[in-house]
Amino acid sequence: AQGVRQSVVTGNIRAAAEVKLTVFGLDRYLRQEIGSYAEDGEDRAELL
């Protein structure tokens, strides 16, 4: 509501992350296309 962009940095693969966020209704607040997932690296620093 304050216009802050939000996304995810997760060790999940992207498809699993998308299902989880959608199932619990959190996807509407998150710009998942700019997030980072297990396919993108091996540790949190790389994903961030």
All heavy atoms as atom14 arrays in JSON, in Angstrom:
{
  "sequence": "AQGVRQSVVTGNIRAAAEVKLTVFGLDRYLRQEIGSYAEDGEDRAELL",
  "atom14_mask": [
    [1, 1, 1, 1, 1, 0, 0, 0, 0, 0, 0, 0, 0, 0],
    [1, 1, 1, 1, 1, 1, 1, 1, 1, 0, 0, 0, 0, 0],
    [1, 1, 1, 1, 0, 0, 0, 0, 0, 0, 0, 0, 0, 0],
    [1, 1, 1, 1, 1, 1, 1, 0, 0, 0, 0, 0, 0, 0],
    [1, 1, 1, 1, 1, 1, 1, 1, 1, 1, 1, 0, 0, 0],
    [1, 1, 1, 1, 1, 1, 1, 1, 1, 0, 0, 0, 0, 0],
    [1, 1, 1, 1, 1, 1, 0, 0, 0, 0, 0, 0, 0, 0],
    [1, 1, 1, 1, 1, 1, 1, 0, 0, 0, 0, 0, 0, 0],
    [1, 1, 1, 1, 1, 1, 1, 0, 0, 0, 0, 0, 0, 0],
    [1, 1, 1, 1, 1, 1, 1, 0, 0, 0, 0, 0, 0, 0],
    [1, 1, 1, 1, 0, 0, 0, 0, 0, 0, 0, 0, 0, 0],
    [1, 1, 1, 1, 1, 1, 1, 1, 0, 0, 0, 0, 0, 0],
    [1, 1, 1, 1, 1, 1, 1, 1, 0, 0, 0, 0, 0, 0],
    [1, 1, 1, 1, 1, 1, 1, 1, 1, 1, 1, 0, 0, 0],
    [1, 1, 1, 1, 1, 0, 0, 0, 0, 0, 0, 0, 0, 0],
    [1, 1, 1, 1, 1, 0, 0, 0, 0, 0, 0, 0, 0, 0],
    [1, 1, 1, 1, 1, 0, 0, 0, 0, 0, 0, 0, 0, 0],
    [1, 1, 1, 1, 1, 1, 1, 1, 1, 0, 0, 0, 0, 0],
    [1, 1, 1, 1, 1, 1, 1, 0, 0, 0, 0, 0, 0, 0],
    [1, 1, 1, 1, 1, 1, 1, 1, 1, 0, 0, 0, 0, 0],
    [1, 1, 1, 1, 1, 1, 1, 1, 0, 0, 0, 0, 0, 0],
    [1, 1, 1, 1, 1, 1, 1, 0, 0, 0, 0, 0, 0, 0],
    [1, 1, 1, 1, 1, 1, 1, 0, 0, 0, 0, 0, 0, 0],
    [1, 1, 1, 1, 1, 1, 1, 1, 1, 1, 1, 0, 0, 0],
    [1, 1, 1, 1, 0, 0, 0, 0, 0, 0, 0, 0, 0, 0],
    [1, 1, 1, 1, 1, 1, 1, 1, 0, 0, 0, 0, 0, 0],
    [1, 1, 1, 1, 1, 1, 1, 1, 0, 0, 0, 0, 0, 0],
    [1, 1, 1, 1, 1, 1, 1, 1, 1, 1, 1, 0, 0, 0],
    [1, 1, 1, 1, 1, 1, 1, 1, 1, 1, 1, 1, 0, 0],
    [1, 1, 1, 1, 1, 1, 1, 1, 0, 0, 0, 0, 0, 0],
    [1, 1, 1, 1, 1, 1, 1, 1, 1, 1, 1, 0, 0, 0],
    [1, 1, 1, 1, 1, 1, 1, 1, 1, 0, 0, 0, 0, 0],
    [1, 1, 1, 1, 1, 1, 1, 1, 1, 0, 0, 0, 0, 0],
    [1, 1, 1, 1, 1, 1, 1, 1, 0, 0, 0, 0, 0, 0],
    [1, 1, 1, 1, 0, 0, 0, 0, 0, 0, 0, 0, 0, 0],
    [1, 1, 1, 1, 1, 1, 0, 0, 0, 0, 0, 0, 0, 0],
    [1, 1, 1, 1, 1, 1, 1, 1, 1, 1, 1, 1, 0, 0],
    [1, 1, 1, 1, 1, 0, 0, 0, 0, 0, 0, 0, 0, 0],
    [1, 1, 1, 1, 1, 1, 1, 1, 1, 0, 0, 0, 0, 0],
    [1, 1, 1, 1, 1, 1, 1, 1, 0, 0, 0, 0, 0, 0],
    [1, 1, 1, 1, 0, 0, 0, 0, 0, 0, 0, 0, 0, 0],
    [1, 1, 1, 1, 1, 1, 1, 1, 1, 0, 0, 0, 0, 0],
    [1, 1, 1, 1, 1, 1, 1, 1, 0, 0, 0, 0, 0, 0],
    [1, 1, 1, 1, 1, 1, 1, 1, 1, 1, 1, 0, 0, 0],
    [1, 1, 1, 1, 1, 0, 0, 0, 0, 0, 0, 0, 0, 0],
    [1, 1, 1, 1, 1, 1, 1, 1, 1, 0, 0, 0, 0, 0],
    [1, 1, 1, 1, 1, 1, 1, 1, 0, 0, 0, 0, 0, 0],
    [1, 1, 1, 1, 1, 1, 1, 1, 0, 0, 0, 0, 0, 0]
  ],
  "atom14_positions": [
    [[0.82, -1.21, 0.0], [0.0, 0.0, 0.0], [0.85, 1.26, 0.0], [0.42, 2.32, -0.47], [-0.93, 0.0, 1.21], [0.0, 0.0, 0.0], [0.0, 0.0, 0.0], [0.0, 0.0, 0.0], [0.0, 0.0, 0.0], [0.0, 0.0, 0.0], [0.0, 0.0, 0.0], [0.0, 0.0, 0.0], [0.0, 0.0, 0.0], [0.0, 0.0, 0.0]],
    [[2.07, 1.16, 0.52], [2.99, 2.29, 0.54], [3.83, 2.38, -0.73], [4.71, 3.24, -0.85], [3.9, 2.21, 1.76], [3.16, 2.35, 3.08], [4.09, 2.24, 4.28], [5.15, 2.86, 4.32], [3.69, 1.45, 5.28], [0.0, 0.0, 0.0], [0.0, 0.0, 0.0], [0.0, 0.0, 0.0], [0.0, 0.0, 0.0], [0.0, 0.0, 0.0]],
    [[3.58, 1.47, -1.66], [4.28, 1.51, -2.94], [5.67, 0.91, -2.93], [6.46, 1.14, -3.85], [0.0, 0.0, 0.0], [0.0, 0.0, 0.0], [0.0, 0.0, 0.0], [0.0, 0.0, 0.0], [0.0, 0.0, 0.0], [0.0, 0.0, 0.0], [0.0, 0.0, 0.0], [0.0, 0.0, 0.0], [0.0, 0.0, 0.0], [0.0, 0.0, 0.0]],
    [[5.98, 0.12, -1.9], [7.3, -0.51, -1.8], [7.33, -1.76, -2.67], [6.46, -2.63, -2.55], [7.64, -0.87, -0.34], [9.0, -1.56, -0.27], [7.63, 0.38, 0.53], [0.0, 0.0, 0.0], [0.0, 0.0, 0.0], [0.0, 0.0, 0.0], [0.0, 0.0, 0.0], [0.0, 0.0, 0.0], [0.0, 0.0, 0.0], [0.0, 0.0, 0.0]],
    [[8.34, -1.88, -3.53], [8.5, -3.1, -4.3], [8.97, -4.22, -3.39], [9.86, -4.03, -2.55], [9.52, -2.92, -5.42], [9.0, -2.23, -6.64], [9.96, -2.37, -7.8], [11.24, -1.74, -7.54], [12.31, -1.87, -8.34], [12.25, -2.63, -9.42], [13.43, -1.23, -8.05], [0.0, 0.0, 0.0], [0.0, 0.0, 0.0], [0.0, 0.0, 0.0]],
    [[8.38, -5.41, -3.56], [8.74, -6.57, -2.76], [8.92, -7.78, -3.65], [8.21, -7.95, -4.65], [7.65, -6.88, -1.73], [7.34, -5.74, -0.78], [6.21, -6.09, 0.15], [6.4, -6.78, 1.17], [5.01, -5.62, -0.17], [0.0, 0.0, 0.0], [0.0, 0.0, 0.0], [0.0, 0.0, 0.0], [0.0, 0.0, 0.0], [0.0, 0.0, 0.0]],
    [[9.86, -8.64, -3.27], [10.05, -9.89, -3.99], [10.64, -10.92, -3.03], [10.65, -10.7, -1.81], [10.94, -9.7, -5.22], [10.89, -10.86, -6.05], [0.0, 0.0, 0.0], [0.0, 0.0, 0.0], [0.0, 0.0, 0.0], [0.0, 0.0, 0.0], [0.0, 0.0, 0.0], [0.0, 0.0, 0.0], [0.0, 0.0, 0.0], [0.0, 0.0, 0.0]],
    [[11.1, -12.03, -3.57], [11.6, -13.13, -2.74], [13.03, -13.5, -3.11], [13.45, -13.37, -4.26], [10.7, -14.39, -2.85], [9.32, -14.11, -2.28], [10.59, -14.88, -4.29], [0.0, 0.0, 0.0], [0.0, 0.0, 0.0], [0.0, 0.0, 0.0], [0.0, 0.0, 0.0], [0.0, 0.0, 0.0], [0.0, 0.0, 0.0], [0.0, 0.0, 0.0]],
    [[13.76, -13.94, -2.12], [15.07, -14.57, -2.3], [15.0, -15.88, -1.53], [14.89, -15.88, -0.31], [16.2, -13.68, -1.75], [17.51, -14.45, -1.7], [16.37, -12.43, -2.62], [0.0, 0.0, 0.0], [0.0, 0.0, 0.0], [0.0, 0.0, 0.0], [0.0, 0.0, 0.0], [0.0, 0.0, 0.0], [0.0, 0.0, 0.0], [0.0, 0.0, 0.0]],
    [[14.99, -16.98, -2.25], [14.67, -18.25, -1.63], [15.49, -19.4, -2.2], [15.86, -19.38, -3.38], [13.16, -18.56, -1.81], [12.86, -19.88, -1.32], [12.75, -18.51, -3.28], [0.0, 0.0, 0.0], [0.0, 0.0, 0.0], [0.0, 0.0, 0.0], [0.0, 0.0, 0.0], [0.0, 0.0, 0.0], [0.0, 0.0, 0.0], [0.0, 0.0, 0.0]],
    [[15.73, -20.39, -1.38], [16.4, -21.6, -1.82], [15.47, -22.54, -2.55], [15.9, -23.57, -3.09], [0.0, 0.0, 0.0], [0.0, 0.0, 0.0], [0.0, 0.0, 0.0], [0.0, 0.0, 0.0], [0.0, 0.0, 0.0], [0.0, 0.0, 0.0], [0.0, 0.0, 0.0], [0.0, 0.0, 0.0], [0.0, 0.0, 0.0], [0.0, 0.0, 0.0]],
    [[14.18, -22.22, -2.6], [13.21, -23.01, -3.35], [13.45, -22.87, -4.85], [13.89, -21.82, -5.32], [11.79, -22.5, -3.08], [11.24, -22.93, -1.74], [10.66, -23.99, -1.62], [11.42, -22.09, -0.74], [0.0, 0.0, 0.0], [0.0, 0.0, 0.0], [0.0, 0.0, 0.0], [0.0, 0.0, 0.0], [0.0, 0.0, 0.0], [0.0, 0.0, 0.0]],
    [[13.11, -23.9, -5.62], [13.04, -23.72, -7.06], [11.86, -22.78, -7.35], [10.92, -22.66, -6.56], [12.87, -25.06, -7.79], [11.55, -25.74, -7.4], [14.05, -25.98, -7.57], [11.13, -26.82, -8.34], [0.0, 0.0, 0.0], [0.0, 0.0, 0.0], [0.0, 0.0, 0.0], [0.0, 0.0, 0.0], [0.0, 0.0, 0.0], [0.0, 0.0, 0.0]],
    [[11.91, -22.11, -8.47], [10.91, -21.09, -8.75], [9.48, -21.64, -8.79], [8.56, -21.03, -8.24], [11.24, -20.37, -10.06], [10.24, -19.28, -10.38], [10.71, -18.32, -11.43], [9.75, -17.25, -11.63], [10.01, -16.12, -12.27], [11.22, -15.91, -12.76], [9.08, -15.2, -12.42], [0.0, 0.0, 0.0], [0.0, 0.0, 0.0], [0.0, 0.0, 0.0]],
    [[9.28, -22.77, -9.44], [7.93, -23.3, -9.58], [7.32, -23.62, -8.21], [6.14, -23.34, -7.97], [7.94, -24.55, -10.45], [0.0, 0.0, 0.0], [0.0, 0.0, 0.0], [0.0, 0.0, 0.0], [0.0, 0.0, 0.0], [0.0, 0.0, 0.0], [0.0, 0.0, 0.0], [0.0, 0.0, 0.0], [0.0, 0.0, 0.0], [0.0, 0.0, 0.0]],
    [[8.1, -24.19, -7.3], [7.6, -24.49, -5.96], [7.29, -23.21, -5.21], [6.27, -23.1, -4.51], [8.62, -25.33, -5.2], [0.0, 0.0, 0.0], [0.0, 0.0, 0.0], [0.0, 0.0, 0.0], [0.0, 0.0, 0.0], [0.0, 0.0, 0.0], [0.0, 0.0, 0.0], [0.0, 0.0, 0.0], [0.0, 0.0, 0.0], [0.0, 0.0, 0.0]],
    [[8.18, -22.21, -5.33], [7.94, -20.93, -4.66], [6.64, -20.3, -5.14], [5.85, -19.79, -4.33], [9.12, -20.0, -4.92], [0.0, 0.0, 0.0], [0.0, 0.0, 0.0], [0.0, 0.0, 0.0], [0.0, 0.0, 0.0], [0.0, 0.0, 0.0], [0.0, 0.0, 0.0], [0.0, 0.0, 0.0], [0.0, 0.0, 0.0], [0.0, 0.0, 0.0]],
    [[6.41, -20.33, -6.44], [5.2, -19.73, -6.99], [3.94, -20.42, -6.47], [2.95, -19.74, -6.13], [5.25, -19.78, -8.51], [6.29, -18.84, -9.11], [6.44, -18.99, -10.61], [5.93, -19.99, -11.16], [7.07, -18.12, -11.23], [0.0, 0.0, 0.0], [0.0, 0.0, 0.0], [0.0, 0.0, 0.0], [0.0, 0.0, 0.0], [0.0, 0.0, 0.0]],
    [[3.98, -21.74, -6.39], [2.82, -22.47, -5.86], [2.57, -22.1, -4.41], [1.44, -21.81, -4.01], [3.02, -23.99, -6.01], [1.95, -24.76, -5.23], [3.0, -24.4, -7.47], [0.0, 0.0, 0.0], [0.0, 0.0, 0.0], [0.0, 0.0, 0.0], [0.0, 0.0, 0.0], [0.0, 0.0, 0.0], [0.0, 0.0, 0.0], [0.0, 0.0, 0.0]],
    [[3.62, -22.11, -3.6], [3.48, -21.8, -2.18], [2.89, -20.41, -1.97], [1.97, -20.21, -1.15], [4.83, -21.91, -1.47], [5.38, -23.32, -1.37], [6.75, -23.3, -0.7], [7.35, -24.68, -0.57], [8.65, -24.67, 0.1], [0.0, 0.0, 0.0], [0.0, 0.0, 0.0], [0.0, 0.0, 0.0], [0.0, 0.0, 0.0], [0.0, 0.0, 0.0]],
    [[3.42, -19.44, -2.66], [2.95, -18.07, -2.48], [1.51, -17.9, -2.95], [0.72, -17.19, -2.31], [3.87, -17.11, -3.23], [5.31, -17.02, -2.67], [6.21, -16.29, -3.67], [5.32, -16.33, -1.32], [0.0, 0.0, 0.0], [0.0, 0.0, 0.0], [0.0, 0.0, 0.0], [0.0, 0.0, 0.0], [0.0, 0.0, 0.0], [0.0, 0.0, 0.0]],
    [[1.16, -18.56, -4.03], [-0.21, -18.47, -4.54], [-1.19, -19.16, -3.61], [-2.28, -18.62, -3.32], [-0.29, -19.09, -5.95], [0.6, -18.39, -6.82], [-1.7, -19.03, -6.5], [0.0, 0.0, 0.0], [0.0, 0.0, 0.0], [0.0, 0.0, 0.0], [0.0, 0.0, 0.0], [0.0, 0.0, 0.0], [0.0, 0.0, 0.0], [0.0, 0.0, 0.0]],
    [[-0.84, -20.34, -3.12], [-1.71, -21.11, -2.24], [-2.11, -20.31, -1.01], [-3.27, -20.35, -0.57], [-1.02, -22.44, -1.83], [-1.62, -23.0, -0.56], [-1.14, -23.46, -2.96], [0.0, 0.0, 0.0], [0.0, 0.0, 0.0], [0.0, 0.0, 0.0], [0.0, 0.0, 0.0], [0.0, 0.0, 0.0], [0.0, 0.0, 0.0], [0.0, 0.0, 0.0]],
    [[-1.17, -19.55, -0.46], [-1.46, -18.8, 0.75], [-1.78, -17.34, 0.5], [-1.83, -16.53, 1.43], [-0.29, -18.95, 1.74], [-0.04, -20.37, 2.14], [1.17, -20.98, 1.89], [-1.04, -21.13, 2.72], [1.4, -22.3, 2.24], [-0.83, -22.45, 3.07], [0.38, -23.05, 2.83], [0.0, 0.0, 0.0], [0.0, 0.0, 0.0], [0.0, 0.0, 0.0]],
    [[-2.03, -16.98, -0.76], [-2.51, -15.65, -1.11], [-1.5, -14.53, -0.95], [-1.88, -13.36, -0.84], [0.0, 0.0, 0.0], [0.0, 0.0, 0.0], [0.0, 0.0, 0.0], [0.0, 0.0, 0.0], [0.0, 0.0, 0.0], [0.0, 0.0, 0.0], [0.0, 0.0, 0.0], [0.0, 0.0, 0.0], [0.0, 0.0, 0.0], [0.0, 0.0, 0.0]],
    [[-0.21, -14.87, -0.97], [0.82, -13.85, -0.78], [1.39, -13.33, -2.1], [2.09, -12.33, -2.11], [1.95, -14.41, 0.09], [1.54, -14.99, 1.45], [2.75, -15.52, 2.2], [0.8, -13.96, 2.28], [0.0, 0.0, 0.0], [0.0, 0.0, 0.0], [0.0, 0.0, 0.0], [0.0, 0.0, 0.0], [0.0, 0.0, 0.0], [0.0, 0.0, 0.0]],
    [[1.1, -14.03, -3.17], [1.68, -13.69, -4.47], [1.28, -12.29, -4.95], [2.04, -11.63, -5.66], [1.29, -14.73, -5.52], [-0.23, -14.86, -5.66], [-0.92, -14.97, -4.63], [-0.72, -14.88, -6.81], [0.0, 0.0, 0.0], [0.0, 0.0, 0.0], [0.0, 0.0, 0.0], [0.0, 0.0, 0.0], [0.0, 0.0, 0.0], [0.0, 0.0, 0.0]],
    [[0.12, -11.82, -4.55], [-0.39, -10.54, -5.06], [0.47, -9.35, -4.64], [0.41, -8.29, -5.25], [-1.82, -10.32, -4.55], [-1.93, -10.02, -3.07], [-3.34, -10.11, -2.55], [-3.78, -11.49, -2.43], [-4.96, -11.85, -1.92], [-5.8, -10.92, -1.5], [-5.28, -13.12, -1.84], [0.0, 0.0, 0.0], [0.0, 0.0, 0.0], [0.0, 0.0, 0.0]],
    [[1.28, -9.53, -3.6], [2.09, -8.44, -3.08], [3.54, -8.47, -3.59], [4.31, -7.56, -3.28], [2.12, -8.49, -1.55], [0.76, -8.55, -0.92], [0.35, -9.68, -0.19], [-0.15, -7.51, -1.05], [-0.9, -9.75, 0.39], [-1.41, -7.56, -0.48], [-1.78, -8.69, 0.25], [-3.03, -8.76, 0.82], [0.0, 0.0, 0.0], [0.0, 0.0, 0.0]],
    [[3.9, -9.51, -4.32], [5.31, -9.76, -4.62], [5.59, -9.73, -6.11], [4.87, -10.34, -6.9], [5.72, -11.12, -4.05], [5.63, -11.23, -2.52], [5.58, -12.69, -2.09], [6.81, -10.52, -1.88], [0.0, 0.0, 0.0], [0.0, 0.0, 0.0], [0.0, 0.0, 0.0], [0.0, 0.0, 0.0], [0.0, 0.0, 0.0], [0.0, 0.0, 0.0]],
    [[6.67, -9.05, -6.48], [7.12, -9.01, -7.87], [8.04, -10.21, -8.07], [9.27, -10.1, -8.02], [7.87, -7.71, -8.11], [7.03, -6.45, -7.95], [6.29, -6.12, -9.22], [7.22, -5.91, -10.32], [7.84, -4.74, -10.55], [7.63, -3.7, -9.77], [8.66, -4.63, -11.57], [0.0, 0.0, 0.0], [0.0, 0.0, 0.0], [0.0, 0.0, 0.0]],
    [[7.43, -11.35, -8.33], [8.22, -12.58, -8.37], [9.22, -12.61, -9.53], [10.24, -13.3, -9.46], [7.29, -13.79, -8.45], [6.44, -13.95, -7.18], [5.51, -15.14, -7.26], [5.95, -16.28, -7.33], [4.21, -14.88, -7.26], [0.0, 0.0, 0.0], [0.0, 0.0, 0.0], [0.0, 0.0, 0.0], [0.0, 0.0, 0.0], [0.0, 0.0, 0.0]],
    [[8.96, -11.84, -10.57], [9.85, -11.84, -11.73], [11.22, -11.23, -11.41], [12.19, -11.49, -12.15], [9.2, -11.11, -12.91], [9.1, -9.61, -12.77], [7.9, -9.14, -11.95], [7.2, -9.98, -11.37], [7.68, -7.9, -11.9], [0.0, 0.0, 0.0], [0.0, 0.0, 0.0], [0.0, 0.0, 0.0], [0.0, 0.0, 0.0], [0.0, 0.0, 0.0]],
    [[11.32, -10.44, -10.36], [12.62, -9.88, -10.0], [13.26, -10.63, -8.83], [14.31, -10.22, -8.33], [12.54, -8.37, -9.68], [11.61, -8.1, -8.49], [12.1, -7.59, -10.91], [11.61, -6.65, -8.05], [0.0, 0.0, 0.0], [0.0, 0.0, 0.0], [0.0, 0.0, 0.0], [0.0, 0.0, 0.0], [0.0, 0.0, 0.0], [0.0, 0.0, 0.0]],
    [[12.63, -11.7, -8.41], [13.16, -12.49, -7.3], [14.31, -13.38, -7.73], [14.73, -13.39, -8.89], [0.0, 0.0, 0.0], [0.0, 0.0, 0.0], [0.0, 0.0, 0.0], [0.0, 0.0, 0.0], [0.0, 0.0, 0.0], [0.0, 0.0, 0.0], [0.0, 0.0, 0.0], [0.0, 0.0, 0.0], [0.0, 0.0, 0.0], [0.0, 0.0, 0.0]],
    [[14.79, -14.17, -6.77], [15.9, -15.07, -7.03], [15.61, -16.41, -6.38], [15.12, -16.46, -5.24], [17.2, -14.47, -6.48], [18.32, -15.22, -6.87], [0.0, 0.0, 0.0], [0.0, 0.0, 0.0], [0.0, 0.0, 0.0], [0.0, 0.0, 0.0], [0.0, 0.0, 0.0], [0.0, 0.0, 0.0], [0.0, 0.0, 0.0], [0.0, 0.0, 0.0]],
    [[15.93, -17.49, -7.1], [15.49, -18.83, -6.72], [16.67, -19.81, -6.8], [17.77, -19.44, -7.19], [14.35, -19.27, -7.63], [13.23, -18.26, -7.7], [13.27, -17.2, -8.62], [12.16, -18.32, -6.81], [12.26, -16.25, -8.66], [11.15, -17.37, -6.86], [11.21, -16.34, -7.77], [10.21, -15.39, -7.8], [0.0, 0.0, 0.0], [0.0, 0.0, 0.0]],
    [[16.39, -21.07, -6.46], [17.46, -22.08, -6.43], [18.16, -22.22, -7.77], [19.34, -22.58, -7.82], [16.88, -23.43, -5.99], [0.0, 0.0, 0.0], [0.0, 0.0, 0.0], [0.0, 0.0, 0.0], [0.0, 0.0, 0.0], [0.0, 0.0, 0.0], [0.0, 0.0, 0.0], [0.0, 0.0, 0.0], [0.0, 0.0, 0.0], [0.0, 0.0, 0.0]],
    [[17.44, -21.97, -8.85], [18.05, -22.06, -10.17], [19.12, -20.98, -10.39], [19.93, -21.08, -11.31], [16.98, -21.91, -11.27], [15.99, -23.06, -11.33], [14.75, -22.83, -10.49], [14.81, -22.04, -9.51], [13.71, -23.45, -10.78], [0.0, 0.0, 0.0], [0.0, 0.0, 0.0], [0.0, 0.0, 0.0], [0.0, 0.0, 0.0], [0.0, 0.0, 0.0]],
    [[19.11, -19.94, -9.55], [19.96, -18.77, -9.79], [21.27, -18.76, -9.01], [22.08, -17.84, -9.19], [19.18, -17.5, -9.45], [17.92, -17.36, -10.29], [18.01, -17.56, -11.51], [16.86, -17.05, -9.72], [0.0, 0.0, 0.0], [0.0, 0.0, 0.0], [0.0, 0.0, 0.0], [0.0, 0.0, 0.0], [0.0, 0.0, 0.0], [0.0, 0.0, 0.0]],
    [[21.5, -19.74, -8.15], [22.75, -19.72, -7.39], [22.76, -20.74, -6.28], [21.8, -21.5, -6.1], [0.0, 0.0, 0.0], [0.0, 0.0, 0.0], [0.0, 0.0, 0.0], [0.0, 0.0, 0.0], [0.0, 0.0, 0.0], [0.0, 0.0, 0.0], [0.0, 0.0, 0.0], [0.0, 0.0, 0.0], [0.0, 0.0, 0.0], [0.0, 0.0, 0.0]],
    [[23.85, -20.74, -5.52], [24.03, -21.75, -4.49], [23.92, -21.23, -3.07], [23.68, -22.0, -2.15], [25.39, -22.44, -4.67], [25.51, -23.21, -5.97], [26.49, -24.36, -5.89], [27.19, -24.47, -4.87], [26.54, -25.16, -6.83], [0.0, 0.0, 0.0], [0.0, 0.0, 0.0], [0.0, 0.0, 0.0], [0.0, 0.0, 0.0], [0.0, 0.0, 0.0]],
    [[24.13, -19.94, -2.85], [24.04, -19.42, -1.48], [23.27, -18.11, -1.47], [22.98, -17.52, -2.51], [25.42, -19.27, -0.85], [26.32, -18.3, -1.61], [25.82, -17.28, -2.14], [27.53, -18.56, -1.69], [0.0, 0.0, 0.0], [0.0, 0.0, 0.0], [0.0, 0.0, 0.0], [0.0, 0.0, 0.0], [0.0, 0.0, 0.0], [0.0, 0.0, 0.0]],
    [[22.96, -17.64, -0.26], [22.13, -16.45, -0.13], [22.79, -15.2, -0.7], [22.1, -14.36, -1.29], [21.78, -16.23, 1.35], [20.72, -17.17, 1.9], [19.39, -16.99, 1.16], [18.33, -17.78, 1.76], [18.09, -19.06, 1.5], [18.85, -19.7, 0.64], [17.1, -19.7, 2.09], [0.0, 0.0, 0.0], [0.0, 0.0, 0.0], [0.0, 0.0, 0.0]],
    [[24.1, -15.07, -0.54], [24.76, -13.89, -1.08], [24.6, -13.83, -2.59], [24.31, -12.76, -3.17], [26.23, -13.89, -0.68], [0.0, 0.0, 0.0], [0.0, 0.0, 0.0], [0.0, 0.0, 0.0], [0.0, 0.0, 0.0], [0.0, 0.0, 0.0], [0.0, 0.0, 0.0], [0.0, 0.0, 0.0], [0.0, 0.0, 0.0], [0.0, 0.0, 0.0]],
    [[24.79, -14.95, -3.25], [24.65, -15.01, -4.7], [23.22, -14.71, -5.12], [22.97, -13.96, -6.09], [25.09, -16.38, -5.22], [25.18, -16.49, -6.72], [25.71, -17.84, -7.18], [26.04, -18.69, -6.33], [25.81, -18.02, -8.41], [0.0, 0.0, 0.0], [0.0, 0.0, 0.0], [0.0, 0.0, 0.0], [0.0, 0.0, 0.0], [0.0, 0.0, 0.0]],
    [[22.27, -15.28, -4.4], [20.86, -15.06, -4.73], [20.46, -13.61, -4.49], [19.73, -13.01, -5.29], [19.97, -15.99, -3.9], [20.14, -17.49, -4.15], [19.16, -18.28, -3.28], [19.95, -17.84, -5.62], [0.0, 0.0, 0.0], [0.0, 0.0, 0.0], [0.0, 0.0, 0.0], [0.0, 0.0, 0.0], [0.0, 0.0, 0.0], [0.0, 0.0, 0.0]],
    [[20.93, -13.04, -3.39], [20.63, -11.63, -3.12], [21.2, -10.72, -4.2], [20.53, -9.79, -4.67], [21.17, -11.23, -1.75], [20.31, -11.61, -0.55], [21.11, -11.52, 0.75], [19.07, -10.72, -0.48], [0.0, 0.0, 0.0], [0.0, 0.0, 0.0], [0.0, 0.0, 0.0], [0.0, 0.0, 0.0], [0.0, 0.0, 0.0], [0.0, 0.0, 0.0]]
  ]
}
